[in-house]
Amino acid sequence: MEFNIALLRGDGIGPEIVDSAVEVLKKTAEKFGHKFNFTPYLIGGAAIDATGKPLPEETVEGCLASDSVLLGAVGGPKWDNLPGDQRPEKALLGIRSALGLFTNLRPARLYKALKDSCPLRPDIVANGFDLMMVRELTGGIYFGERGRRQGKYGEEAYDTECYSKMEIERIAKVAFETARKRNKNVISIDKANVLESSRLWRATIHEIAKDYPDVTCTDMLVDNAAMQLVKNPAQFDVVVTSNMFGDILSDESSQITGSIGMLPSASLGSAKRGMYEPIHGSAPDIAGQNKANPIATILSASMMLRYSFDLEKEADAIDAAVDKFLELGYRTADLAGNTGVTPLTTTEVTEKILELL
């Protein structure tokens, strides 16, 4: 099979980790008899420097013409003082919206080989955990009306949380369908004791749940969810929540896996085309030093094969190579810690995984 993949390397460590994932994809294509065509486009700070815009129209058109998109990371201190609508991060919201990507899937799994890297007590993670965050991606407070005005105490700023029933219905269906392929358990996260938008969220989730009698559905307030993730993460299977709550909780879940450098994500819409990226940032402090952990991006490429291209065996092969890499005791700088293991460079990690593929 042949697929066209748009590459958005972005800023900081983005180019390094995307290039590593491309090497793994090339090896996978060679092994299984496929052809992947890669076309780079500018996004984020790199696009601002070259075009004055964080998301050039050429990038949007190229991504829309592709079969899927692989993204590195955007942003950095160089662009921190720009107005909000001109910052590199604005490109992420723009490309998600342009591609109609309303679902973000963020798996958080504790690898057996990384249990010692987990900050939680050994008895809590003795049996490991494997959860899937299903985050609504194009609605909520990140896309609501915002501005500044004169208020009771002078100048004030506001951001509006707003969800339509349709937006909640479609993300709920993704969550329940995902749960059917896992352990058939959905926990919906909201703040229904305070927020009207969360009350509509909860009522709509309950309506959709009636169509999935084989899936258990429960509600949990977001503050309790933040506590439960560190108290008993194994209780979670599929978690569905709003844009902002999902952003925060998925980062929390990443930390209890041992390193944010291990977690991939998939942003999906109603079509097969998706955008795949590691959940971490651009890490400008280590950019260009060949230190970055490319595994999250490599696993994001695996998710691309699985969710957009229906190449299950190929995705399984990449996942197995990463598992083996960890089992053999290889570590990157973010995973080595005080283990005494000499951390591998980005290039060395990529070469080892290629060998194991």
Foldseek 3Di string as FASTA:
>chain_A
DEFEEEEEQADFQSVLLLVLLVVLVVLLCVVVVYYYHYDYDYAFPVCCVVPVARADPVNLVVCLPGLAYETEFHDDPVQVPPPPCRGRVVRVLVSCVSNQQQKKKWKFWAFPLQQVLFPADCVQQVVTAIAIEIEGANAFQVPADWDWDQDPVGIDIDTGGDDDLVSLLVSLVVQQVVLVVPVQEEEEEAAVVPDPRRVSNVVSSVVNVVVVVSHHYYYDYLVVLLVCCRRHVRVHYYYYYYHVSSLVVSVSSNNSSNHLLQMKMWGHHPALYIYIYRSDHSPNVCGPVQQGRSNRSNLSVLVNCVRRVVNPVSSVQLVVLVSVCSVVPAAGPSRCPVVPDDHDGSVVVSVSSSVSD
